[in-house]
Amino acid sequence: MKPPDAHVESIIECSTQNQFCRHCGCNDIKKWGSANGLQRYKCKHEDCGKTFNGLTGTPLARLHNRHKWLDHLLCMLDSLPLRKVAKRIEVDLTTAFRWRHRFLKMATKTQVPTLNGVVEADETFFSESYKGKRTIHHRAPRRRGGQGNRKHKDDKISVLIVRDRRGRVHDFVFGELRKEQIHSSLKPIVESDSVFCTDGASWYKTFAEKEKIAHHRLIALDKNRIIGKEFHIQNVNNYISRLKTWMKRFNGVGTDYLENYLGWMRLFETRKRSQIEWLKLAILYK
């Protein structure tokens, strides 16, 4: 077995600088031996006294084979399906699956605080998927990646995509689109001096009126797709198109993991990362 990659070890060591107890938050700690090649620490607070290492409390805690992490991340940067990942880095398929979603755990949280300027919003839909589930009780199984009945809205998962002209993206997964959900999701992220561009859905209109935000409705039935040469929703629609094309390579994404894949796409689009930077994101929460 080859030794763990030096880059991985240095990042883990960085996570222990200016360390605090991962259990109680106390910064009065001391070194406490080592285990599995990692320095351990012990909290000196009398009510705690627990031990931890540089990975404790991160998505990568208790994962083995650290020398393969960067190879796995390279496969993720190449958007490889899980079976190809497992074969390339010589791990079990279940291990490749577990690693993927551990590394994606922080991606779901890396959304910019607010959007401004010209902000576009539109909704898209993914077929509800129980990929990986042993039993499905309320409908017949589908072939992996297959589409549900387009006429049955109950078979769809709604995703709201909001994007500004600087390429920053927010996304929200809803079981069903409701005005209250749309309003509560948009309010914290769309700044009041923005220009809001959407389709003709009524929930966008009521949101803009309530928050007093300039609003342009692009209604396809009226062939009104662009207003004043600059107000449109083509950027967000192009993003959705790229998202759908990218998703196809995975032969269907389980609904339970849809948020992880949306976060993965955001990382590609908004923050171009190397393997090392992605590893820092997972370990150092940056």
Protein backbone atom coordinates (compact mmCIF):
# COMPACT_ATOMS: atom_id res chain seq x y z
CA MET A 1 0.00 0.00 0.00
CA LYS A 2 1.53 3.29 -1.04
CA PRO A 3 1.74 6.13 1.52
CA PRO A 4 -0.98 8.80 1.66
CA ASP A 5 -0.55 11.65 -0.78
CA ALA A 6 1.52 14.49 0.65
CA HIS A 7 -1.04 17.06 -0.48
CA VAL A 8 -3.76 15.29 1.46
CA GLU A 9 -1.64 15.16 4.59
CA SER A 10 -0.71 18.86 4.36
CA ILE A 11 -4.37 19.89 3.98
CA ILE A 12 -5.37 17.78 6.97
CA GLU A 13 -2.54 19.34 8.95
CA CYS A 14 -3.76 22.83 7.95
CA SER A 15 -7.17 21.96 9.35
CA THR A 16 -5.58 21.46 12.78
CA GLN A 17 -3.83 24.84 12.90
CA ASN A 18 -5.45 27.22 15.39
CA GLN A 19 -7.43 24.15 16.36
CA PHE A 20 -10.45 23.99 18.62
CA CYS A 21 -12.31 21.03 20.01
CA ARG A 22 -14.57 19.59 17.34
CA HIS A 23 -16.98 18.46 20.07
CA CYS A 24 -17.44 21.47 22.38
CA GLY A 25 -15.64 24.35 20.60
CA CYS A 26 -13.08 24.94 23.37
CA ASN A 27 -9.68 26.13 22.06
CA ASP A 28 -7.75 24.72 25.04
CA ILE A 29 -6.43 21.50 23.53
CA LYS A 30 -3.26 19.41 23.50
CA LYS A 31 -1.68 16.77 21.28
CA TRP A 32 -2.73 13.26 22.18
CA GLY A 33 -0.73 10.73 20.17
CA SER A 34 -1.63 9.63 16.67
CA ALA A 35 -3.76 7.02 14.95
CA ASN A 36 -3.97 5.87 11.32
CA GLY A 37 -1.27 8.36 10.39
CA LEU A 38 -3.17 11.37 11.79
CA GLN A 39 -2.24 13.54 14.76
CA ARG A 40 -4.86 13.34 17.49
CA TYR A 41 -5.80 16.03 19.98
CA LYS A 42 -7.51 16.03 23.35
CA CYS A 43 -9.79 18.73 24.71
CA LYS A 44 -8.60 20.02 28.10
CA HIS A 45 -11.99 21.33 29.16
CA GLU A 46 -13.07 19.48 32.29
CA ASP A 47 -16.60 18.87 30.99
CA CYS A 48 -15.43 17.47 27.65
CA GLY A 49 -12.05 15.71 27.51
CA LYS A 50 -12.81 14.12 24.13
CA THR A 51 -10.22 13.35 21.48
CA PHE A 52 -10.32 14.17 17.76
CA ASN A 53 -8.15 14.61 14.65
CA GLY A 54 -8.02 17.01 11.71
CA LEU A 55 -10.88 15.24 9.93
CA THR A 56 -13.28 14.97 12.85
CA GLY A 57 -16.49 16.84 12.09
CA THR A 58 -15.76 17.05 8.34
CA PRO A 59 -17.54 15.08 5.60
CA LEU A 60 -14.38 12.99 5.17
CA ALA A 61 -14.20 11.69 8.73
CA ARG A 62 -13.58 7.91 8.97
CA LEU A 63 -12.93 7.49 5.25
CA HIS A 64 -10.05 5.14 4.46
CA ASN A 65 -7.52 5.01 1.60
CA ARG A 66 -6.59 8.68 1.74
CA HIS A 67 -3.97 8.14 -0.96
CA LYS A 68 -6.84 7.60 -3.46
CA TRP A 69 -8.86 10.70 -2.61
CA LEU A 70 -7.24 12.94 -5.21
CA ASP A 71 -7.66 10.31 -7.92
CA HIS A 72 -11.31 10.07 -6.97
CA LEU A 73 -11.69 13.86 -7.18
CA LEU A 74 -10.08 13.83 -10.62
CA CYS A 75 -12.77 11.37 -11.71
CA MET A 76 -15.40 13.74 -10.33
CA LEU A 77 -13.88 16.67 -12.21
CA ASP A 78 -14.20 14.50 -15.32
CA SER A 79 -17.85 13.74 -14.38
CA LEU A 80 -17.34 10.00 -14.69
CA PRO A 81 -20.16 7.57 -13.81
CA LEU A 82 -19.64 5.57 -10.62
CA ARG A 83 -18.75 2.26 -12.27
CA LYS A 84 -15.95 3.90 -14.24
CA VAL A 85 -14.75 5.66 -11.09
CA ALA A 86 -14.64 2.39 -9.14
CA LYS A 87 -12.73 0.65 -11.93
CA ARG A 88 -10.23 3.48 -12.44
CA ILE A 89 -9.21 3.93 -8.80
CA GLU A 90 -9.72 0.25 -7.87
CA VAL A 91 -12.30 0.58 -5.12
CA ASP A 92 -15.65 -1.08 -4.56
CA LEU A 93 -18.69 0.48 -6.22
CA THR A 94 -20.28 1.22 -2.85
CA THR A 95 -17.06 2.94 -1.75
CA ALA A 96 -17.06 5.14 -4.86
CA PHE A 97 -20.69 6.04 -4.17
CA ARG A 98 -20.03 6.90 -0.51
CA TRP A 99 -16.96 8.99 -1.36
CA ARG A 100 -18.82 10.90 -4.08
CA HIS A 101 -21.55 12.06 -1.73
CA ARG A 102 -19.15 12.82 1.11
CA PHE A 103 -17.21 15.14 -1.20
CA LEU A 104 -20.43 16.67 -2.49
CA LYS A 105 -21.79 17.30 0.99
CA MET A 106 -20.17 20.72 1.24
CA ALA A 107 -20.99 21.59 -2.37
CA THR A 108 -24.66 21.85 -1.44
CA LYS A 109 -23.78 24.61 1.02
CA THR A 110 -21.53 26.71 -1.21
CA GLN A 111 -24.08 29.15 -2.57
CA VAL A 112 -23.36 32.88 -2.68
CA PRO A 113 -25.36 34.94 -0.15
CA THR A 114 -27.23 37.16 -2.62
CA LEU A 115 -27.71 37.84 -6.33
CA ASN A 116 -27.90 41.30 -7.88
CA GLY A 117 -27.96 43.20 -11.13
CA VAL A 118 -30.12 41.45 -13.70
CA VAL A 119 -31.38 38.29 -11.99
CA GLU A 120 -33.12 35.56 -13.98
CA ALA A 121 -35.29 32.78 -12.58
CA ASP A 122 -36.98 29.78 -14.09
CA GLU A 123 -38.12 26.37 -12.97
CA THR A 124 -37.23 22.97 -14.35
CA PHE A 125 -38.34 19.44 -13.55
CA PHE A 126 -36.68 16.08 -12.95
CA SER A 127 -38.40 12.73 -12.87
CA GLU A 128 -38.86 11.42 -9.38
CA SER A 129 -36.30 8.63 -8.99
CA TYR A 130 -35.92 5.86 -6.44
CA LYS A 131 -32.62 4.73 -7.94
CA GLY A 132 -30.89 2.45 -5.44
CA LYS A 133 -34.07 1.64 -3.54
CA ARG A 134 -35.00 -2.02 -3.24
CA THR A 135 -38.75 -1.46 -3.30
CA ILE A 136 -41.10 1.13 -4.82
CA HIS A 137 -44.61 0.96 -3.46
CA HIS A 138 -46.63 3.59 -5.30
CA ARG A 139 -45.67 3.04 -8.95
CA ALA A 140 -44.03 0.58 -11.33
CA PRO A 141 -40.23 0.74 -11.65
CA ARG A 142 -38.69 2.49 -14.65
CA ARG A 143 -35.55 1.77 -16.57
CA ARG A 144 -32.64 3.77 -15.16
CA GLY A 145 -32.65 7.27 -16.56
CA GLY A 146 -36.12 6.77 -18.02
CA GLN A 147 -38.62 9.59 -18.05
CA GLY A 148 -41.81 9.61 -16.06
CA ASN A 149 -45.18 10.37 -17.53
CA ARG A 150 -45.03 14.00 -18.65
CA LYS A 151 -48.75 14.38 -17.91
CA HIS A 152 -48.38 13.38 -14.27
CA LYS A 153 -47.03 16.27 -12.22
CA ASP A 154 -46.89 14.03 -9.15
CA ASP A 155 -44.08 12.13 -10.89
CA LYS A 156 -41.89 15.25 -11.14
CA ILE A 157 -39.52 17.02 -8.77
CA SER A 158 -39.51 20.80 -9.18
CA VAL A 159 -36.23 22.73 -9.12
CA LEU A 160 -36.08 26.52 -9.07
CA ILE A 161 -32.93 27.96 -10.66
CA VAL A 162 -31.98 31.60 -10.03
CA ARG A 163 -28.95 33.11 -11.79
CA ASP A 164 -27.50 36.57 -12.21
CA ARG A 165 -25.43 37.90 -15.10
CA ARG A 166 -22.20 37.32 -13.17
CA GLY A 167 -22.89 33.60 -13.41
CA ARG A 168 -23.75 33.09 -9.74
CA VAL A 169 -26.43 30.49 -9.14
CA HIS A 170 -28.92 29.50 -6.48
CA ASP A 171 -31.10 26.42 -6.76
CA PHE A 172 -33.96 25.05 -4.67
CA VAL A 173 -35.53 21.59 -4.77
CA PHE A 174 -39.29 21.46 -4.18
CA GLY A 175 -41.66 18.55 -4.21
CA GLU A 176 -44.29 20.84 -5.68
CA LEU A 177 -44.08 24.50 -6.67
CA ARG A 178 -46.05 26.74 -4.32
CA LYS A 179 -46.22 30.51 -4.12
CA GLU A 180 -45.24 30.60 -0.45
CA GLN A 181 -42.15 28.47 -1.08
CA ILE A 182 -41.10 30.56 -4.05
CA HIS A 183 -41.44 33.80 -2.08
CA SER A 184 -39.56 32.53 0.99
CA SER A 185 -36.75 31.16 -1.18
CA LEU A 186 -36.31 34.29 -3.30
CA LYS A 187 -36.57 36.92 -0.58
CA PRO A 188 -33.16 36.34 1.08
CA ILE A 189 -31.18 36.08 -2.16
CA VAL A 190 -32.57 38.70 -4.61
CA GLU A 191 -31.38 42.18 -3.66
CA SER A 192 -33.95 44.97 -3.74
CA ASP A 193 -32.13 47.01 -6.42
CA SER A 194 -32.02 44.05 -8.84
CA VAL A 195 -33.92 43.76 -12.10
CA PHE A 196 -35.85 40.50 -11.95
CA CYS A 197 -36.51 38.62 -15.22
CA THR A 198 -38.81 35.60 -15.26
CA ASP A 199 -41.43 33.81 -17.28
CA GLY A 200 -45.10 34.64 -16.83
CA ALA A 201 -45.72 32.56 -13.67
CA SER A 202 -47.84 34.48 -11.20
CA TRP A 203 -45.68 33.74 -8.14
CA TYR A 204 -42.80 35.76 -9.61
CA LYS A 205 -45.12 38.71 -10.24
CA THR A 206 -46.52 38.69 -6.70
CA PHE A 207 -43.03 38.33 -5.23
CA ALA A 208 -41.67 41.33 -7.16
CA GLU A 209 -44.69 43.46 -6.23
CA LYS A 210 -44.42 42.55 -2.56
CA GLU A 211 -40.67 43.24 -2.37
CA LYS A 212 -40.87 46.29 -4.70
CA ILE A 213 -38.32 44.86 -7.15
CA ALA A 214 -38.25 45.87 -10.82
CA HIS A 215 -39.70 42.97 -12.78
CA HIS A 216 -39.87 41.95 -16.43
CA ARG A 217 -42.13 39.05 -17.41
CA LEU A 218 -41.14 37.17 -20.57
CA ILE A 219 -44.27 35.45 -21.82
CA ALA A 220 -43.62 32.96 -24.62
CA LEU A 221 -47.26 32.91 -25.77
CA ASP A 222 -46.97 36.61 -26.58
CA LYS A 223 -43.64 35.98 -28.39
CA ASN A 224 -42.19 38.38 -25.86
CA ARG A 225 -38.82 36.73 -25.20
CA ILE A 226 -36.58 39.82 -24.98
CA ILE A 227 -37.32 43.27 -23.61
CA GLY A 228 -35.03 46.14 -24.51
CA LYS A 229 -32.32 43.80 -25.87
CA GLU A 230 -31.01 43.03 -22.38
CA PHE A 231 -33.89 41.74 -20.28
CA HIS A 232 -34.50 38.05 -20.93
CA ILE A 233 -34.14 34.63 -19.29
CA GLN A 234 -31.85 33.07 -21.87
CA ASN A 235 -28.89 32.81 -19.46
CA VAL A 236 -30.78 30.79 -16.89
CA ASN A 237 -32.39 28.66 -19.61
CA ASN A 238 -28.97 27.93 -21.12
CA TYR A 239 -27.73 26.92 -17.67
CA ILE A 240 -30.70 24.57 -17.26
CA SER A 241 -29.97 23.07 -20.67
CA ARG A 242 -26.33 22.42 -19.71
CA LEU A 243 -27.48 20.95 -16.40
CA LYS A 244 -29.89 18.54 -18.07
CA THR A 245 -27.28 17.46 -20.65
CA TRP A 246 -24.67 16.91 -17.93
CA MET A 247 -27.10 14.89 -15.80
CA LYS A 248 -27.74 12.41 -18.61
CA ARG A 249 -24.32 10.80 -18.19
CA PHE A 250 -25.39 9.45 -14.79
CA ASN A 251 -28.36 7.49 -16.19
CA GLY A 252 -30.77 9.03 -13.76
CA VAL A 253 -30.09 10.67 -10.39
CA GLY A 254 -31.85 9.48 -7.25
CA THR A 255 -34.16 12.16 -5.86
CA ASP A 256 -32.54 11.82 -2.42
CA TYR A 257 -29.24 12.98 -3.95
CA LEU A 258 -30.51 15.59 -6.39
CA GLU A 259 -29.32 18.52 -4.23
CA ASN A 260 -25.79 17.07 -4.22
CA TYR A 261 -25.66 16.94 -8.01
CA LEU A 262 -26.99 20.50 -8.30
CA GLY A 263 -24.18 21.59 -5.98
CA TRP A 264 -21.70 19.67 -8.10
CA MET A 265 -22.87 21.54 -11.21
CA ARG A 266 -22.59 24.89 -9.39
CA LEU A 267 -18.97 24.14 -8.56
CA PHE A 268 -18.22 23.56 -12.22
CA GLU A 269 -20.01 26.70 -13.35
CA THR A 270 -19.13 29.24 -10.69
CA ARG A 271 -15.93 28.13 -8.98
CA LYS A 272 -13.50 26.29 -11.23
CA ARG A 273 -11.59 24.04 -8.86
CA SER A 274 -8.65 21.69 -8.91
CA GLN A 275 -8.54 18.46 -6.92
CA ILE A 276 -6.59 20.21 -4.16
CA GLU A 277 -9.07 23.10 -3.92
CA TRP A 278 -12.01 20.70 -3.77
CA LEU A 279 -10.30 18.73 -1.01
CA LYS A 280 -9.76 21.95 0.93
CA LEU A 281 -13.45 22.75 0.54
CA ALA A 282 -14.43 19.43 2.08
CA ILE A 283 -11.89 19.52 4.93
CA LEU A 284 -11.46 23.21 5.73
CA TYR A 285 -15.04 24.37 4.98
CA LYS A 286 -13.80 27.13 2.62
